[in-house]
C-alpha atoms as a PDB file:
ATOM      1  CA  MET A   1     -21.386  -7.297  15.429  1.00  0.00           C
ATOM      2  CA  THR A   2     -21.750  -7.365  11.657  1.00  0.00           C
ATOM      3  CA  GLY A   3     -22.847  -4.631   9.313  1.00  0.00           C
ATOM      4  CA  SER A   4     -23.859  -4.051   5.709  1.00  0.00           C
ATOM      5  CA  TYR A   5     -20.927  -3.369   3.403  1.00  0.00           C
ATOM      6  CA  THR A   6     -22.819  -2.458   0.242  1.00  0.00           C
ATOM      7  CA  TYR A   7     -22.541   1.245  -0.600  1.00  0.00           C
ATOM      8  CA  THR A   8     -22.928   3.603  -3.522  1.00  0.00           C
ATOM      9  CA  PHE A   9     -20.531   6.506  -3.973  1.00  0.00           C
ATOM     10  CA  GLU A  10     -23.289   8.857  -2.826  1.00  0.00           C
ATOM     11  CA  ASP A  11     -23.518   6.893   0.441  1.00  0.00           C
ATOM     12  CA  ILE A  12     -19.876   7.416   1.321  1.00  0.00           C
ATOM     13  CA  GLN A  13     -18.646  10.574  -0.413  1.00  0.00           C
ATOM     14  CA  HIS A  14     -19.055  12.752   2.696  1.00  0.00           C
ATOM     15  CA  ARG A  15     -17.907  10.144   5.230  1.00  0.00           C
ATOM     16  CA  PRO A  16     -14.260   9.853   6.305  1.00  0.00           C
ATOM     17  CA  VAL A  17     -11.660   7.413   5.060  1.00  0.00           C
ATOM     18  CA  ALA A  18      -9.163   6.467   7.773  1.00  0.00           C
ATOM     19  CA  VAL A  19      -5.584   5.710   6.716  1.00  0.00           C
ATOM     20  CA  VAL A  20      -3.518   4.011   9.416  1.00  0.00           C
ATOM     21  CA  GLY A  21       0.172   4.539   8.703  1.00  0.00           C
ATOM     22  CA  ALA A  22       1.796   7.652   7.229  1.00  0.00           C
ATOM     23  CA  GLY A  23       4.816   6.212   5.415  1.00  0.00           C
ATOM     24  CA  THR A  24       5.590   6.288   1.705  1.00  0.00           C
ATOM     25  CA  LEU A  25       2.383   4.523   0.695  1.00  0.00           C
ATOM     26  CA  GLY A  26       0.088   5.636   3.517  1.00  0.00           C
ATOM     27  CA  ARG A  27       0.390   9.287   2.551  1.00  0.00           C
ATOM     28  CA  ARG A  28      -0.168   8.465  -1.127  1.00  0.00           C
ATOM     29  CA  ILE A  29      -3.278   6.445  -0.309  1.00  0.00           C
ATOM     30  CA  ALA A  30      -4.598   9.395   1.697  1.00  0.00           C
ATOM     31  CA  LEU A  31      -3.862  11.655  -1.280  1.00  0.00           C
ATOM     32  CA  MET A  32      -6.017   9.598  -3.642  1.00  0.00           C
ATOM     33  CA  PHE A  33      -8.969   9.462  -1.249  1.00  0.00           C
ATOM     34  CA  ALA A  34      -8.732  13.264  -0.913  1.00  0.00           C
ATOM     35  CA  THR A  35      -9.461  13.834  -4.610  1.00  0.00           C
ATOM     36  CA  ARG A  36     -13.273  13.691  -4.365  1.00  0.00           C
ATOM     37  CA  GLY A  37     -13.947  16.321  -1.737  1.00  0.00           C
ATOM     38  CA  GLY A  38     -14.520  14.103   1.287  1.00  0.00           C
ATOM     39  CA  PRO A  39     -12.685  13.950   4.619  1.00  0.00           C
ATOM     40  CA  VAL A  40      -9.568  11.807   5.072  1.00  0.00           C
ATOM     41  CA  ARG A  41      -7.903  11.145   8.420  1.00  0.00           C
ATOM     42  CA  ILE A  42      -4.334   9.900   8.746  1.00  0.00           C
ATOM     43  CA  TYR A  43      -3.203   8.222  11.951  1.00  0.00           C
ATOM     44  CA  ALA A  44       0.420   7.466  12.818  1.00  0.00           C
ATOM     45  CA  ARG A  45       2.197   7.139  16.140  1.00  0.00           C
ATOM     46  CA  ARG A  46       5.090   9.452  15.257  1.00  0.00           C
ATOM     47  CA  PRO A  47       4.066  13.139  15.073  1.00  0.00           C
ATOM     48  CA  GLU A  48       6.877  14.028  12.676  1.00  0.00           C
ATOM     49  CA  GLN A  49       5.748  11.357  10.201  1.00  0.00           C
ATOM     50  CA  LEU A  50       2.172  12.580  10.495  1.00  0.00           C
ATOM     51  CA  ALA A  51       3.287  16.129   9.739  1.00  0.00           C
ATOM     52  CA  GLU A  52       5.334  14.985   6.738  1.00  0.00           C
ATOM     53  CA  ALA A  53       2.355  13.033   5.386  1.00  0.00           C
ATOM     54  CA  SER A  54       0.001  15.993   5.762  1.00  0.00           C
ATOM     55  CA  ASP A  55       2.501  18.280   4.008  1.00  0.00           C
ATOM     56  CA  TYR A  56       2.908  15.787   1.160  1.00  0.00           C
ATOM     57  CA  VAL A  57      -0.850  15.593   0.575  1.00  0.00           C
ATOM     58  CA  SER A  58      -1.402  19.375   0.718  1.00  0.00           C
ATOM     59  CA  GLN A  59       1.466  20.007  -1.717  1.00  0.00           C
ATOM     60  CA  THR A  60       0.612  17.215  -4.165  1.00  0.00           C
ATOM     61  CA  LEU A  61      -3.193  17.328  -4.237  1.00  0.00           C
ATOM     62  CA  PRO A  62      -3.546  20.447  -6.447  1.00  0.00           C
ATOM     63  CA  ARG A  63      -1.274  18.917  -9.102  1.00  0.00           C
ATOM     64  CA  VAL A  64      -3.204  15.630  -9.123  1.00  0.00           C
ATOM     65  CA  LEU A  65      -6.545  17.426  -9.495  1.00  0.00           C
ATOM     66  CA  GLU A  66      -5.148  19.629 -12.272  1.00  0.00           C
ATOM     67  CA  GLN A  67      -3.746  16.662 -14.187  1.00  0.00           C
ATOM     68  CA  ARG A  68      -6.998  14.743 -13.841  1.00  0.00           C
ATOM     69  CA  GLY A  69      -9.109  17.702 -14.854  1.00  0.00           C
ATOM     70  CA  SER A  70     -11.821  16.772 -12.385  1.00  0.00           C
ATOM     71  CA  GLY A  71     -12.452  16.223  -8.702  1.00  0.00           C
ATOM     72  CA  GLN A  72     -12.374  18.433  -5.643  1.00  0.00           C
ATOM     73  CA  ALA A  73      -9.873  18.768  -2.833  1.00  0.00           C
ATOM     74  CA  GLY A  74     -10.927  16.995   0.325  1.00  0.00           C
ATOM     75  CA  VAL A  75      -9.986  17.848   3.883  1.00  0.00           C
ATOM     76  CA  VAL A  76      -7.032  15.766   5.118  1.00  0.00           C
ATOM     77  CA  THR A  77      -6.415  15.733   8.853  1.00  0.00           C
ATOM     78  CA  GLY A  78      -3.628  14.124  10.838  1.00  0.00           C
ATOM     79  CA  VAL A  79      -5.049  12.741  14.087  1.00  0.00           C
ATOM     80  CA  ALA A  80      -3.369  11.661  17.315  1.00  0.00           C
ATOM     81  CA  THR A  81      -5.542   8.660  18.187  1.00  0.00           C
ATOM     82  CA  LEU A  82      -6.847   5.624  16.351  1.00  0.00           C
ATOM     83  CA  GLU A  83     -10.285   6.218  17.852  1.00  0.00           C
ATOM     84  CA  GLU A  84     -10.468   9.683  16.291  1.00  0.00           C
ATOM     85  CA  ALA A  85      -9.340   8.335  12.914  1.00  0.00           C
ATOM     86  CA  LEU A  86     -12.064   5.683  12.861  1.00  0.00           C
ATOM     87  CA  ASP A  87     -15.003   7.825  13.972  1.00  0.00           C
ATOM     88  CA  ASP A  88     -17.794   7.345  11.354  1.00  0.00           C
ATOM     89  CA  ALA A  89     -15.263   6.081   8.757  1.00  0.00           C
ATOM     90  CA  TRP A  90     -16.745   4.039   5.920  1.00  0.00           C
ATOM     91  CA  LEU A  91     -13.311   2.579   5.131  1.00  0.00           C
ATOM     92  CA  VAL A  92     -10.075   2.047   7.039  1.00  0.00           C
ATOM     93  CA  VAL A  93      -6.888   1.267   5.113  1.00  0.00           C
ATOM     94  CA  GLU A  94      -3.963  -0.108   7.122  1.00  0.00           C
ATOM     95  CA  SER A  95      -0.528   0.702   5.706  1.00  0.00           C
ATOM     96  CA  VAL A  96       2.005  -0.171   8.406  1.00  0.00           C
ATOM     97  CA  PRO A  97       5.254  -2.196   8.059  1.00  0.00           C
ATOM     98  CA  GLU A  98       5.087  -5.710   6.597  1.00  0.00           C
ATOM     99  CA  ARG A  99       5.203  -7.531   9.938  1.00  0.00           C
ATOM    100  CA  LEU A 100       2.412  -9.714  11.233  1.00  0.00           C
ATOM    101  CA  ASP A 101       3.465  -9.031  14.834  1.00  0.00           C
ATOM    102  CA  ILE A 102       2.457  -5.406  14.157  1.00  0.00           C
ATOM    103  CA  LYS A 103      -0.553  -6.021  11.924  1.00  0.00           C
ATOM    104  CA  ILE A 104      -2.371  -8.664  13.992  1.00  0.00           C
ATOM    105  CA  PRO A 105      -2.680  -6.653  17.229  1.00  0.00           C
ATOM    106  CA  LEU A 106      -3.378  -3.456  15.266  1.00  0.00           C
ATOM    107  CA  TRP A 107      -6.333  -5.064  13.523  1.00  0.00           C
ATOM    108  CA  GLY A 108      -7.580  -6.173  16.943  1.00  0.00           C
ATOM    109  CA  GLN A 109      -7.532  -2.517  18.052  1.00  0.00           C
ATOM    110  CA  ILE A 110      -9.258  -1.377  14.859  1.00  0.00           C
ATOM    111  CA  ASP A 111     -11.902  -4.076  15.247  1.00  0.00           C
ATOM    112  CA  HIS A 112     -12.601  -2.933  18.805  1.00  0.00           C
ATOM    113  CA  LEU A 113     -12.942   0.764  17.880  1.00  0.00           C
ATOM    114  CA  ALA A 114     -14.563   0.754  14.438  1.00  0.00           C
ATOM    115  CA  GLN A 115     -18.292   1.049  13.911  1.00  0.00           C
ATOM    116  CA  PRO A 116     -20.366  -1.724  12.297  1.00  0.00           C
ATOM    117  CA  GLY A 117     -20.328  -1.315   8.536  1.00  0.00           C
ATOM    118  CA  THR A 118     -16.775   0.016   8.340  1.00  0.00           C
ATOM    119  CA  ILE A 119     -14.837  -1.775   5.595  1.00  0.00           C
ATOM    120  CA  PHE A 120     -11.429  -3.100   6.687  1.00  0.00           C
ATOM    121  CA  ALA A 121      -8.628  -3.157   4.108  1.00  0.00           C
ATOM    122  CA  THR A 122      -4.935  -3.933   4.459  1.00  0.00           C
ATOM    123  CA  ASN A 123      -2.453  -2.462   2.019  1.00  0.00           C
ATOM    124  CA  SER A 124      -0.097  -5.387   2.684  1.00  0.00           C
ATOM    125  CA  SER A 125       1.979  -6.150  -0.383  1.00  0.00           C
ATOM    126  CA  SER A 126       2.836  -9.742   0.529  1.00  0.00           C
ATOM    127  CA  TYR A 127       0.555 -11.107   3.275  1.00  0.00           C
ATOM    128  CA  PRO A 128      -3.012 -12.267   2.634  1.00  0.00           C
ATOM    129  CA  SER A 129      -5.459 -10.592   4.988  1.00  0.00           C
ATOM    130  CA  ARG A 130      -6.444 -14.034   6.300  1.00  0.00           C
ATOM    131  CA  LEU A 131      -3.140 -14.124   8.220  1.00  0.00           C
ATOM    132  CA  MET A 132      -3.901 -10.925  10.148  1.00  0.00           C
ATOM    133  CA  ALA A 133      -7.579 -11.626  10.946  1.00  0.00           C
ATOM    134  CA  GLU A 134      -6.991 -13.433  14.247  1.00  0.00           C
ATOM    135  CA  ASN A 135      -8.505 -10.638  16.359  1.00  0.00           C
ATOM    136  CA  VAL A 136     -11.121  -9.452  13.854  1.00  0.00           C
ATOM    137  CA  SER A 137     -14.542 -10.561  15.089  1.00  0.00           C
ATOM    138  CA  ASP A 138     -16.294 -10.149  11.721  1.00  0.00           C
ATOM    139  CA  LYS A 139     -13.926 -11.481   9.093  1.00  0.00           C
ATOM    140  CA  SER A 140     -16.458 -10.782   6.337  1.00  0.00           C
ATOM    141  CA  ARG A 141     -15.458  -7.099   6.398  1.00  0.00           C
ATOM    142  CA  LEU A 142     -11.715  -7.577   5.897  1.00  0.00           C
ATOM    143  CA  CYS A 143      -9.846  -7.807   2.601  1.00  0.00           C
ATOM    144  CA  ASN A 144      -6.559  -6.998   0.887  1.00  0.00           C
ATOM    145  CA  MET A 145      -6.582  -3.692  -0.968  1.00  0.00           C
ATOM    146  CA  HIS A 146      -3.054  -3.316  -2.221  1.00  0.00           C
ATOM    147  CA  PHE A 147      -1.936  -0.028  -3.778  1.00  0.00           C
ATOM    148  CA  TYR A 148       1.208   0.334  -5.866  1.00  0.00           C
ATOM    149  CA  MET A 149       2.592   3.885  -6.043  1.00  0.00           C
ATOM    150  CA  PRO A 150      -0.189   6.409  -6.600  1.00  0.00           C
ATOM    151  CA  PRO A 151      -0.694   8.978  -8.009  1.00  0.00           C
ATOM    152  CA  GLU A 152       1.573   7.631 -10.783  1.00  0.00           C
ATOM    153  CA  LEU A 153       0.703   3.907 -10.566  1.00  0.00           C
ATOM    154  CA  ASN A 154      -2.998   3.584  -9.868  1.00  0.00           C
ATOM    155  CA  ALA A 155      -3.912  -0.100 -10.156  1.00  0.00           C
ATOM    156  CA  ILE A 156      -5.121  -1.881  -6.999  1.00  0.00           C
ATOM    157  CA  ASP A 157      -5.246  -5.575  -6.110  1.00  0.00           C
ATOM    158  CA  LEU A 158      -8.368  -6.688  -4.228  1.00  0.00           C
ATOM    159  CA  MET A 159      -8.383 -10.094  -2.551  1.00  0.00           C
ATOM    160  CA  SER A 160     -10.756 -11.826  -0.148  1.00  0.00           C
ATOM    161  CA  ASP A 161      -9.584 -13.101   3.240  1.00  0.00           C
ATOM    162  CA  GLY A 162     -11.557 -16.260   2.485  1.00  0.00           C
ATOM    163  CA  GLU A 163     -14.703 -14.975   4.181  1.00  0.00           C
ATOM    164  CA  THR A 164     -15.003 -11.456   2.743  1.00  0.00           C
ATOM    165  CA  ASP A 165     -18.547 -10.302   2.020  1.00  0.00           C
ATOM    166  CA  ARG A 166     -19.259 -10.353  -1.716  1.00  0.00           C
ATOM    167  CA  GLY A 167     -21.105  -7.062  -1.483  1.00  0.00           C
ATOM    168  CA  LEU A 168     -18.030  -5.454   0.092  1.00  0.00           C
ATOM    169  CA  LEU A 169     -15.817  -6.461  -2.813  1.00  0.00           C
ATOM    170  CA  ASP A 170     -18.450  -5.297  -5.305  1.00  0.00           C
ATOM    171  CA  THR A 171     -18.669  -1.961  -3.480  1.00  0.00           C
ATOM    172  CA  LEU A 172     -14.918  -1.424  -3.762  1.00  0.00           C
ATOM    173  CA  LEU A 173     -14.860  -2.475  -7.408  1.00  0.00           C
ATOM    174  CA  ARG A 174     -17.607   0.060  -8.075  1.00  0.00           C
ATOM    175  CA  VAL A 175     -16.562   3.090  -6.001  1.00  0.00           C
ATOM    176  CA  LEU A 176     -12.747   3.080  -6.017  1.00  0.00           C
ATOM    177  CA  PRO A 177     -12.501   4.393  -9.619  1.00  0.00           C
ATOM    178  CA  GLU A 178     -14.241   7.545  -8.353  1.00  0.00           C
ATOM    179  CA  PHE A 179     -10.974   8.287  -6.507  1.00  0.00           C
ATOM    180  CA  GLY A 180      -8.796   7.790  -9.585  1.00  0.00           C
ATOM    181  CA  VAL A 181      -7.649   4.292  -8.638  1.00  0.00           C
ATOM    182  CA  HIS A 182      -8.540   1.111 -10.504  1.00  0.00           C
ATOM    183  CA  PRO A 183      -9.214  -2.202  -8.703  1.00  0.00           C
ATOM    184  CA  PHE A 184      -8.643  -5.708 -10.068  1.00  0.00           C
ATOM    185  CA  GLU A 185      -9.817  -8.727  -8.087  1.00  0.00           C
ATOM    186  CA  ALA A 186      -7.601 -11.759  -7.445  1.00  0.00           C
ATOM    187  CA  ARG A 187     -10.054 -14.636  -7.829  1.00  0.00           C
ATOM    188  CA  LYS A 188      -8.250 -16.897  -5.362  1.00  0.00           C
ATOM    189  CA  GLU A 189      -5.679 -16.358  -2.620  1.00  0.00           C
ATOM    190  CA  CYS A 190      -2.253 -15.833  -4.114  1.00  0.00           C
ATOM    191  CA  THR A 191       1.013 -14.646  -2.575  1.00  0.00           C
ATOM    192  CA  GLY A 192       1.843 -11.431  -4.416  1.00  0.00           C
ATOM    193  CA  PHE A 193      -1.721 -11.091  -5.734  1.00  0.00           C
ATOM    194  CA  ILE A 194      -1.762 -10.358  -9.489  1.00  0.00           C
ATOM    195  CA  PHE A 195       0.799  -7.776 -10.582  1.00  0.00           C
ATOM    196  CA  ASN A 196       3.152  -8.125  -7.605  1.00  0.00           C
ATOM    197  CA  ARG A 197       3.637 -11.821  -8.271  1.00  0.00           C
ATOM    198  CA  ILE A 198       4.928 -10.951 -11.732  1.00  0.00           C
ATOM    199  CA  TRP A 199       6.831  -7.871 -10.513  1.00  0.00           C
ATOM    200  CA  ALA A 200       8.578  -9.932  -7.788  1.00  0.00           C
ATOM    201  CA  ALA A 201      10.084 -12.174 -10.436  1.00  0.00           C
ATOM    202  CA  ILE A 202      11.320  -9.140 -12.399  1.00  0.00           C
ATOM    203  CA  LYS A 203      12.846  -7.530  -9.282  1.00  0.00           C
ATOM    204  CA  ARG A 204      14.474 -10.784  -8.235  1.00  0.00           C
ATOM    205  CA  GLU A 205      16.116 -11.385 -11.599  1.00  0.00           C
ATOM    206  CA  ALA A 206      17.260  -7.747 -11.812  1.00  0.00           C
ATOM    207  CA  LEU A 207      18.868  -8.075  -8.363  1.00  0.00           C
ATOM    208  CA  ALA A 208      20.479 -11.378  -9.365  1.00  0.00           C
ATOM    209  CA  VAL A 209      22.061  -9.797 -12.446  1.00  0.00           C
ATOM    210  CA  VAL A 210      23.660  -7.142 -10.213  1.00  0.00           C
ATOM    211  CA  ALA A 211      24.561  -9.566  -7.397  1.00  0.00           C
ATOM    212  CA  GLU A 212      26.406 -11.760  -9.924  1.00  0.00           C
ATOM    213  CA  GLY A 213      28.339  -8.785 -11.287  1.00  0.00           C
ATOM    214  CA  VAL A 214      26.766  -8.995 -14.734  1.00  0.00           C
ATOM    215  CA  ALA A 215      25.549  -5.388 -14.720  1.00  0.00           C
ATOM    216  CA  ARG A 216      25.163  -2.284 -12.596  1.00  0.00           C
ATOM    217  CA  PRO A 217      21.755  -1.040 -11.388  1.00  0.00           C
ATOM    218  CA  GLU A 218      21.905   1.864 -13.845  1.00  0.00           C
ATOM    219  CA  ASP A 219      22.536  -0.550 -16.729  1.00  0.00           C
ATOM    220  CA  VAL A 220      19.444  -2.589 -15.908  1.00  0.00           C
ATOM    221  CA  ASP A 221      17.312   0.524 -15.444  1.00  0.00           C
ATOM    222  CA  GLY A 222      18.661   2.109 -18.612  1.00  0.00           C
ATOM    223  CA  MET A 223      17.644  -0.870 -20.726  1.00  0.00           C
ATOM    224  CA  PHE A 224      14.212  -0.945 -19.090  1.00  0.00           C
ATOM    225  CA  THR A 225      13.512   2.694 -19.855  1.00  0.00           C
ATOM    226  CA  ILE A 226      14.690   2.424 -23.473  1.00  0.00           C
ATOM    227  CA  ASN A 227      13.133  -0.929 -24.381  1.00  0.00           C
ATOM    228  CA  LEU A 228       9.849  -0.638 -22.475  1.00  0.00           C
ATOM    229  CA  GLY A 229       9.336   3.125 -22.594  1.00  0.00           C
ATOM    230  CA  VAL A 230       8.786   3.354 -18.829  1.00  0.00           C
ATOM    231  CA  PRO A 231       9.993   6.333 -16.752  1.00  0.00           C
ATOM    232  CA  ALA A 232      11.914   4.221 -14.217  1.00  0.00           C
ATOM    233  CA  GLY A 233      13.498   0.772 -14.046  1.00  0.00           C
ATOM    234  CA  PRO A 234      13.331  -1.765 -11.189  1.00  0.00           C
ATOM    235  CA  PHE A 235      16.200  -0.295  -9.131  1.00  0.00           C
ATOM    236  CA  ARG A 236      14.718   3.220  -9.182  1.00  0.00           C
ATOM    237  CA  MET A 237      11.389   1.688  -8.209  1.00  0.00           C
ATOM    238  CA  MET A 238      12.939  -0.268  -5.333  1.00  0.00           C
ATOM    239  CA  ASP A 239      14.630   2.898  -4.058  1.00  0.00           C
ATOM    240  CA  LEU A 240      11.250   4.617  -4.144  1.00  0.00           C
ATOM    241  CA  VAL A 241       9.527   1.861  -2.148  1.00  0.00           C
ATOM    242  CA  GLY A 242      12.422   1.502   0.327  1.00  0.00           C
ATOM    243  CA  LEU A 243      15.013  -1.283   0.292  1.00  0.00           C
ATOM    244  CA  ASP A 244      14.054  -2.371   3.816  1.00  0.00           C
ATOM    245  CA  VAL A 245      10.497  -2.936   2.594  1.00  0.00           C
ATOM    246  CA  VAL A 246      11.766  -4.750  -0.514  1.00  0.00           C
ATOM    247  CA  LEU A 247      13.892  -7.015   1.710  1.00  0.00           C
ATOM    248  CA  ASP A 248      10.967  -7.767   4.032  1.00  0.00           C
ATOM    249  CA  ILE A 249       8.869  -8.774   1.043  1.00  0.00           C
ATOM    250  CA  GLU A 250      11.627 -10.911  -0.452  1.00  0.00           C
ATOM    251  CA  ASN A 251      12.183 -12.662   2.907  1.00  0.00           C
ATOM    252  CA  HIS A 252       8.478 -13.440   3.008  1.00  0.00           C
ATOM    253  CA  TYR A 253       8.558 -14.965  -0.470  1.00  0.00           C
ATOM    254  CA  ALA A 254      11.663 -16.981   0.486  1.00  0.00           C
ATOM    255  CA  ALA A 255       9.928 -18.383   3.574  1.00  0.00           C
ATOM    256  CA  GLU A 256       7.155 -19.716   1.350  1.00  0.00           C
ATOM    257  CA  PHE A 257       9.364 -20.702  -1.588  1.00  0.00           C
ATOM    258  CA  PRO A 258      12.732 -21.943  -0.171  1.00  0.00           C
ATOM    259  CA  HIS A 259      14.218 -22.511  -3.624  1.00  0.00           C
ATOM    260  CA  LEU A 260      14.573 -18.764  -4.299  1.00  0.00           C
ATOM    261  CA  PRO A 261      18.192 -17.535  -4.658  1.00  0.00           C
ATOM    262  CA  GLU A 262      19.949 -16.254  -1.533  1.00  0.00           C
ATOM    263  CA  ASN A 263      22.289 -13.801  -3.295  1.00  0.00           C
ATOM    264  CA  VAL A 264      19.354 -11.492  -4.002  1.00  0.00           C
ATOM    265  CA  ARG A 265      18.518 -11.153  -0.305  1.00  0.00           C
ATOM    266  CA  GLU A 266      22.191 -10.832   0.618  1.00  0.00           C
ATOM    267  CA  LEU A 267      22.573  -7.871  -1.748  1.00  0.00           C
ATOM    268  CA  LEU A 268      19.531  -6.136  -0.272  1.00  0.00           C
ATOM    269  CA  GLN A 269      20.685  -6.906   3.282  1.00  0.00           C
ATOM    270  CA  ALA A 270      24.055  -5.237   2.599  1.00  0.00           C
ATOM    271  CA  TYR A 271      22.306  -1.995   1.598  1.00  0.00           C
ATOM    272  CA  VAL A 272      19.930  -2.133   4.563  1.00  0.00           C
ATOM    273  CA  ASP A 273      22.801  -2.798   6.998  1.00  0.00           C
ATOM    274  CA  ALA A 274      24.585   0.255   5.579  1.00  0.00           C
ATOM    275  CA  GLY A 275      21.489   2.403   6.150  1.00  0.00           C
ATOM    276  CA  LYS A 276      21.024   2.895   2.414  1.00  0.00           C
ATOM    277  CA  LEU A 277      17.265   2.430   2.153  1.00  0.00           C
ATOM    278  CA  GLY A 278      16.577   4.499  -0.961  1.00  0.00           C
ATOM    279  CA  ILE A 279      14.959   7.900  -1.369  1.00  0.00           C
ATOM    280  CA  LYS A 280      13.858   8.134   2.262  1.00  0.00           C
ATOM    281  CA  THR A 281      17.490   8.071   3.492  1.00  0.00           C
ATOM    282  CA  GLY A 282      18.987   9.935   0.538  1.00  0.00           C
ATOM    283  CA  GLU A 283      20.859   6.909  -0.799  1.00  0.00           C
ATOM    284  CA  GLY A 284      20.051   3.424  -1.992  1.00  0.00           C
ATOM    285  CA  PHE A 285      21.062   1.991  -5.326  1.00  0.00           C
ATOM    286  CA  TYR A 286      21.238   5.686  -6.313  1.00  0.00           C
ATOM    287  CA  SER A 287      22.123   8.874  -4.433  1.00  0.00           C
ATOM    288  CA  TYR A 288      19.382  11.510  -4.011  1.00  0.00           C
END
């Protein structure tokens, strides 16, 4: 069954947003949707991750609202079932690991439970939504909506699955800035979307410089922060995202572009094998 996907902010401000996945990005996505007073529901299978996500949002939300100077704290609830998360939601954002064997069946479940008119968005950083739409009956309501690292990095890539309703994309372009995030539409399907395609090349070359013994991670990051005036270089950023996630993304690029250098993936694999995944394990390229 299809639905209308054209909304104003007034239409949706009191309806829930469902965030599926409570990892590093899932909890940050929930945070941003909680800045305009409406309800946000976070669903994750692991109760401890759900609790950590809820704590993160409650602790960080006042600071974000104070820095912005506007907005109102919404009600963020961790829920135990997907059905509860999706009840009356105007938008569902999936933010689970970058594996199609997880995403495809999950979207089938979401499709079965969600109401007509609910917008479907995947936060996938490397897979076009077209590849996870196998079990979605109405593909016109699915798109990529890729966040970076809010509340600090607030640009969003939007990309059609090839059949996405034009009104849906226009709705997101119009209403997402209300939540302090800023969408940019990829005009054709592209691995890595807009910014990530450029960022992947920067990460890859930074990793190659270290893998070849030319420099240390702190050298690369130090030059980035001095020359570009940014608060963190690529290795700090990779630690923040998680080196297992970075490796998954790089493996995906390598599957599509076989000419990419292997030493980059070997370096990442060595850290992952050692359990050094970045901030979430207390050690990655840096110790925390």
